[in-house]
């Protein structure tokens, strides 16, 4: 397994829309394995391939306390949304040390494939619903801070730019 480098905001590669997977093979299985390893190593609960500069529609998620319930979603598509939304705090492995409240649908139904090409349908609620929506946004070139006011986005961008200058 390889620890993949995670792209950090404001890297423009985070804005690239990911391509559909058309062939399920060993290469896809290896990407999934490396993404899962990277997510667990980084203490994340979800990771989209876009975040590791692989522009394919692949997501890995594990919201379990034990960190032993990996969910793989390839070519995920949300087919139904609840009528209600919820405002809750989110963070992101690509946006350093930033947590903000974002409004998301309370529940969704998502169709996807696993790494072997087996189709599945997931009815997701709560944290799982939020996580799937967040990661699909990454595949579509969106970041959770895009949902914030321009004032909050500007503050986050300024803080991250200052931190990046201090690291150099």
C-alpha atoms as a PDB file:
ATOM      1  CA  UNK A   1       0.000   0.000   0.000  1.00  0.00           C
ATOM      2  CA  UNK A   2       1.117   3.507  -0.797  1.00  0.00           C
ATOM      3  CA  UNK A   3       0.431   6.642   1.219  1.00  0.00           C
ATOM      4  CA  UNK A   4      -0.845   9.067  -1.409  1.00  0.00           C
ATOM      5  CA  UNK A   5      -0.194  12.820  -1.099  1.00  0.00           C
ATOM      6  CA  UNK A   6      -3.423  14.741  -0.438  1.00  0.00           C
ATOM      7  CA  UNK A   7      -3.921  17.924  -2.444  1.00  0.00           C
ATOM      8  CA  UNK A   8      -4.421  21.006  -0.279  1.00  0.00           C
ATOM      9  CA  UNK A   9      -6.694  23.965  -0.944  1.00  0.00           C
ATOM     10  CA  UNK A  10      -6.268  26.228  -2.946  1.00  0.00           C
ATOM     11  CA  UNK A  11      -4.660  23.724  -5.374  1.00  0.00           C
ATOM     12  CA  UNK A  12      -6.591  24.092  -8.650  1.00  0.00           C
ATOM     13  CA  UNK A  13      -6.461  20.338  -9.287  1.00  0.00           C
ATOM     14  CA  UNK A  14      -9.186  20.056  -6.629  1.00  0.00           C
ATOM     15  CA  UNK A  15     -11.488  21.759  -9.168  1.00  0.00           C
ATOM     16  CA  UNK A  16     -11.100  19.082 -11.864  1.00  0.00           C
ATOM     17  CA  UNK A  17     -14.269  17.074 -12.533  1.00  0.00           C
ATOM     18  CA  UNK A  18     -13.542  13.355 -12.263  1.00  0.00           C
ATOM     19  CA  UNK A  19     -14.109  10.888 -15.103  1.00  0.00           C
ATOM     20  CA  UNK A  20     -16.434   7.882 -14.975  1.00  0.00           C
ATOM     21  CA  UNK A  21     -14.899   4.452 -14.455  1.00  0.00           C
ATOM     22  CA  UNK A  22     -15.693   2.160 -17.373  1.00  0.00           C
ATOM     23  CA  UNK A  23     -13.385  -0.761 -16.611  1.00  0.00           C
ATOM     24  CA  UNK A  24     -13.117  -2.470 -13.235  1.00  0.00           C
ATOM     25  CA  UNK A  25      -9.659  -4.015 -13.064  1.00  0.00           C
ATOM     26  CA  UNK A  26      -6.598  -4.473 -10.837  1.00  0.00           C
ATOM     27  CA  UNK A  27      -5.580  -0.842 -11.354  1.00  0.00           C
ATOM     28  CA  UNK A  28      -8.889   0.356  -9.877  1.00  0.00           C
ATOM     29  CA  UNK A  29      -8.574  -2.129  -6.984  1.00  0.00           C
ATOM     30  CA  UNK A  30      -5.049  -0.804  -6.269  1.00  0.00           C
ATOM     31  CA  UNK A  31      -6.251   2.808  -6.305  1.00  0.00           C
ATOM     32  CA  UNK A  32      -9.008   1.882  -3.833  1.00  0.00           C
ATOM     33  CA  UNK A  33      -6.496   0.108  -1.572  1.00  0.00           C
ATOM     34  CA  UNK A  34      -4.099   3.076  -1.593  1.00  0.00           C
ATOM     35  CA  UNK A  35      -6.924   5.567  -1.032  1.00  0.00           C
ATOM     36  CA  UNK A  36      -8.229   3.591   1.941  1.00  0.00           C
ATOM     37  CA  UNK A  37      -4.729   3.383   3.420  1.00  0.00           C
ATOM     38  CA  UNK A  38      -4.288   7.137   2.943  1.00  0.00           C
ATOM     39  CA  UNK A  39      -7.689   7.939   4.493  1.00  0.00           C
ATOM     40  CA  UNK A  40      -7.051   5.776   7.558  1.00  0.00           C
ATOM     41  CA  UNK A  41      -3.495   7.107   7.973  1.00  0.00           C
ATOM     42  CA  UNK A  42      -4.805  10.693   7.795  1.00  0.00           C
ATOM     43  CA  UNK A  43      -7.613  10.032  10.310  1.00  0.00           C
ATOM     44  CA  UNK A  44     -10.268  10.923   7.758  1.00  0.00           C
ATOM     45  CA  UNK A  45     -13.721   9.412   7.381  1.00  0.00           C
ATOM     46  CA  UNK A  46     -13.892   9.905   3.621  1.00  0.00           C
ATOM     47  CA  UNK A  47     -11.624  10.513   0.665  1.00  0.00           C
ATOM     48  CA  UNK A  48     -12.356  11.210  -2.990  1.00  0.00           C
ATOM     49  CA  UNK A  49      -9.868  10.270  -5.704  1.00  0.00           C
ATOM     50  CA  UNK A  50      -9.743  13.922  -6.788  1.00  0.00           C
ATOM     51  CA  UNK A  51      -8.116  14.759  -3.446  1.00  0.00           C
ATOM     52  CA  UNK A  52      -5.148  12.515  -4.285  1.00  0.00           C
ATOM     53  CA  UNK A  53      -4.846  13.850  -7.837  1.00  0.00           C
ATOM     54  CA  UNK A  54      -6.564  10.856  -9.432  1.00  0.00           C
ATOM     55  CA  UNK A  55      -9.430  12.222 -11.480  1.00  0.00           C
ATOM     56  CA  UNK A  56     -11.666   9.180 -11.505  1.00  0.00           C
ATOM     57  CA  UNK A  57     -15.051   8.805  -9.787  1.00  0.00           C
ATOM     58  CA  UNK A  58     -13.895   6.823  -6.743  1.00  0.00           C
ATOM     59  CA  UNK A  59     -14.758   7.438  -3.086  1.00  0.00           C
ATOM     60  CA  UNK A  60     -13.761   5.572   0.065  1.00  0.00           C
ATOM     61  CA  UNK A  61     -15.617   6.102   3.347  1.00  0.00           C
ATOM     62  CA  UNK A  62     -15.469   4.634   6.829  1.00  0.00           C
ATOM     63  CA  UNK A  63     -17.536   6.313   9.530  1.00  0.00           C
ATOM     64  CA  UNK A  64     -17.338   3.370  11.957  1.00  0.00           C
ATOM     65  CA  UNK A  65     -15.808   3.927  15.401  1.00  0.00           C
ATOM     66  CA  UNK A  66     -13.669   0.802  14.970  1.00  0.00           C
ATOM     67  CA  UNK A  67     -12.409   1.973  11.532  1.00  0.00           C
ATOM     68  CA  UNK A  68     -13.180  -1.439  10.050  1.00  0.00           C
ATOM     69  CA  UNK A  69     -16.169  -0.841   7.768  1.00  0.00           C
ATOM     70  CA  UNK A  70     -14.732   0.443   4.495  1.00  0.00           C
ATOM     71  CA  UNK A  71     -17.295   1.536   1.926  1.00  0.00           C
ATOM     72  CA  UNK A  72     -16.195   1.916  -1.689  1.00  0.00           C
ATOM     73  CA  UNK A  73     -18.324   3.961  -4.074  1.00  0.00           C
ATOM     74  CA  UNK A  74     -17.378   4.050  -7.736  1.00  0.00           C
ATOM     75  CA  UNK A  75     -19.348   6.276 -10.126  1.00  0.00           C
ATOM     76  CA  UNK A  76     -21.637   7.332  -7.251  1.00  0.00           C
ATOM     77  CA  UNK A  77     -24.855   9.080  -8.156  1.00  0.00           C
ATOM     78  CA  UNK A  78     -27.412  10.476  -5.760  1.00  0.00           C
ATOM     79  CA  UNK A  79     -30.831   9.460  -7.062  1.00  0.00           C
ATOM     80  CA  UNK A  80     -33.070  10.830  -4.288  1.00  0.00           C
ATOM     81  CA  UNK A  81     -32.730  13.565  -1.688  1.00  0.00           C
ATOM     82  CA  UNK A  82     -34.806  14.099   1.446  1.00  0.00           C
ATOM     83  CA  UNK A  83     -37.107  17.094   1.684  1.00  0.00           C
ATOM     84  CA  UNK A  84     -35.201  18.302   4.731  1.00  0.00           C
ATOM     85  CA  UNK A  85     -31.720  19.679   5.206  1.00  0.00           C
ATOM     86  CA  UNK A  86     -29.490  19.978   8.241  1.00  0.00           C
ATOM     87  CA  UNK A  87     -26.770  22.456   9.158  1.00  0.00           C
ATOM     88  CA  UNK A  88     -23.770  20.694  10.647  1.00  0.00           C
ATOM     89  CA  UNK A  89     -20.017  21.138  10.963  1.00  0.00           C
ATOM     90  CA  UNK A  90     -17.699  19.700   8.317  1.00  0.00           C
ATOM     91  CA  UNK A  91     -13.970  19.497   7.845  1.00  0.00           C
ATOM     92  CA  UNK A  92     -11.847  18.214   4.997  1.00  0.00           C
ATOM     93  CA  UNK A  93      -8.455  16.578   4.579  1.00  0.00           C
ATOM     94  CA  UNK A  94      -7.790  19.033   1.732  1.00  0.00           C
ATOM     95  CA  UNK A  95      -8.629  22.175   3.735  1.00  0.00           C
ATOM     96  CA  UNK A  96      -6.165  22.427   6.600  1.00  0.00           C
ATOM     97  CA  UNK A  97      -7.579  22.865  10.114  1.00  0.00           C
ATOM     98  CA  UNK A  98     -10.899  24.326   8.946  1.00  0.00           C
ATOM     99  CA  UNK A  99     -14.323  23.367  10.270  1.00  0.00           C
ATOM    100  CA  UNK A 100     -17.481  25.188   9.253  1.00  0.00           C
ATOM    101  CA  UNK A 101     -21.213  24.529   9.276  1.00  0.00           C
ATOM    102  CA  UNK A 102     -22.623  23.436   5.923  1.00  0.00           C
ATOM    103  CA  UNK A 103     -26.218  22.676   4.982  1.00  0.00           C
ATOM    104  CA  UNK A 104     -26.773  19.215   3.466  1.00  0.00           C
ATOM    105  CA  UNK A 105     -29.725  16.934   2.799  1.00  0.00           C
ATOM    106  CA  UNK A 106     -30.584  14.808   5.859  1.00  0.00           C
ATOM    107  CA  UNK A 107     -30.892  11.624   3.840  1.00  0.00           C
ATOM    108  CA  UNK A 108     -30.121  10.429   0.336  1.00  0.00           C
ATOM    109  CA  UNK A 109     -30.260   7.338  -1.824  1.00  0.00           C
ATOM    110  CA  UNK A 110     -27.057   6.717  -3.742  1.00  0.00           C
ATOM    111  CA  UNK A 111     -26.368   4.251  -6.532  1.00  0.00           C
ATOM    112  CA  UNK A 112     -22.771   3.174  -7.105  1.00  0.00           C
ATOM    113  CA  UNK A 113     -20.484   0.233  -7.799  1.00  0.00           C
ATOM    114  CA  UNK A 114     -17.891  -1.402  -5.599  1.00  0.00           C
ATOM    115  CA  UNK A 115     -14.303  -1.962  -6.762  1.00  0.00           C
ATOM    116  CA  UNK A 116     -15.345  -5.223  -8.446  1.00  0.00           C
ATOM    117  CA  UNK A 117     -18.084  -3.614 -10.546  1.00  0.00           C
ATOM    118  CA  UNK A 118     -20.982  -4.881  -8.423  1.00  0.00           C
ATOM    119  CA  UNK A 119     -23.871  -2.400  -8.381  1.00  0.00           C
ATOM    120  CA  UNK A 120     -25.323  -1.297  -5.055  1.00  0.00           C
ATOM    121  CA  UNK A 121     -27.889   1.109  -3.682  1.00  0.00           C
ATOM    122  CA  UNK A 122     -27.316   2.846  -0.358  1.00  0.00           C
ATOM    123  CA  UNK A 123     -29.953   4.600   1.721  1.00  0.00           C
ATOM    124  CA  UNK A 124     -27.859   6.988   3.789  1.00  0.00           C
ATOM    125  CA  UNK A 125     -28.836   9.075   6.811  1.00  0.00           C
ATOM    126  CA  UNK A 126     -27.009  11.396   9.153  1.00  0.00           C
ATOM    127  CA  UNK A 127     -23.217  11.363   9.004  1.00  0.00           C
ATOM    128  CA  UNK A 128     -23.067   8.830   6.150  1.00  0.00           C
ATOM    129  CA  UNK A 129     -25.405  10.966   4.042  1.00  0.00           C
ATOM    130  CA  UNK A 130     -23.319  14.063   4.761  1.00  0.00           C
ATOM    131  CA  UNK A 131     -20.062  12.253   3.984  1.00  0.00           C
ATOM    132  CA  UNK A 132     -21.294  10.875   0.652  1.00  0.00           C
ATOM    133  CA  UNK A 133     -22.539  14.319  -0.414  1.00  0.00           C
ATOM    134  CA  UNK A 134     -19.224  15.912   0.624  1.00  0.00           C
ATOM    135  CA  UNK A 135     -17.124  13.369  -1.302  1.00  0.00           C
ATOM    136  CA  UNK A 136     -19.315  13.497  -4.429  1.00  0.00           C
ATOM    137  CA  UNK A 137     -18.815  17.262  -4.380  1.00  0.00           C
ATOM    138  CA  UNK A 138     -15.050  16.616  -4.622  1.00  0.00           C
ATOM    139  CA  UNK A 139     -15.609  14.440  -7.687  1.00  0.00           C
ATOM    140  CA  UNK A 140     -17.503  17.364  -9.214  1.00  0.00           C
ATOM    141  CA  UNK A 141     -14.749  19.884  -8.437  1.00  0.00           C
ATOM    142  CA  UNK A 142     -16.476  21.414  -5.401  1.00  0.00           C
ATOM    143  CA  UNK A 143     -15.091  21.929  -1.916  1.00  0.00           C
ATOM    144  CA  UNK A 144     -17.228  22.316   1.203  1.00  0.00           C
ATOM    145  CA  UNK A 145     -16.096  25.906   1.675  1.00  0.00           C
ATOM    146  CA  UNK A 146     -17.825  26.741  -1.624  1.00  0.00           C
ATOM    147  CA  UNK A 147     -21.078  26.628   0.383  1.00  0.00           C
ATOM    148  CA  UNK A 148     -19.897  29.377   2.730  1.00  0.00           C
ATOM    149  CA  UNK A 149     -20.330  33.110   2.355  1.00  0.00           C
ATOM    150  CA  UNK A 150     -17.684  34.915   0.326  1.00  0.00           C
ATOM    151  CA  UNK A 151     -16.521  36.642   3.533  1.00  0.00           C
ATOM    152  CA  UNK A 152     -15.876  33.302   5.273  1.00  0.00           C
ATOM    153  CA  UNK A 153     -14.196  31.861   2.163  1.00  0.00           C
ATOM    154  CA  UNK A 154     -11.916  34.904   1.924  1.00  0.00           C
ATOM    155  CA  UNK A 155     -10.956  34.587   5.615  1.00  0.00           C
ATOM    156  CA  UNK A 156     -10.154  30.892   5.183  1.00  0.00           C
ATOM    157  CA  UNK A 157      -8.122  31.570   2.022  1.00  0.00           C
ATOM    158  CA  UNK A 158      -6.162  34.346   3.731  1.00  0.00           C
ATOM    159  CA  UNK A 159      -5.414  32.170   6.767  1.00  0.00           C
ATOM    160  CA  UNK A 160      -4.270  29.251   4.603  1.00  0.00           C
ATOM    161  CA  UNK A 161      -2.065  31.513   2.456  1.00  0.00           C
ATOM    162  CA  UNK A 162      -0.408  32.888   5.610  1.00  0.00           C
ATOM    163  CA  UNK A 163       0.168  29.367   6.929  1.00  0.00           C
ATOM    164  CA  UNK A 164       1.674  28.297   3.594  1.00  0.00           C
ATOM    165  CA  UNK A 165       4.090  31.273   3.655  1.00  0.00           C
ATOM    166  CA  UNK A 166       5.176  30.350   7.194  1.00  0.00           C
ATOM    167  CA  UNK A 167       5.926  26.771   6.093  1.00  0.00           C
ATOM    168  CA  UNK A 168       8.282  27.939   3.330  1.00  0.00           C
END
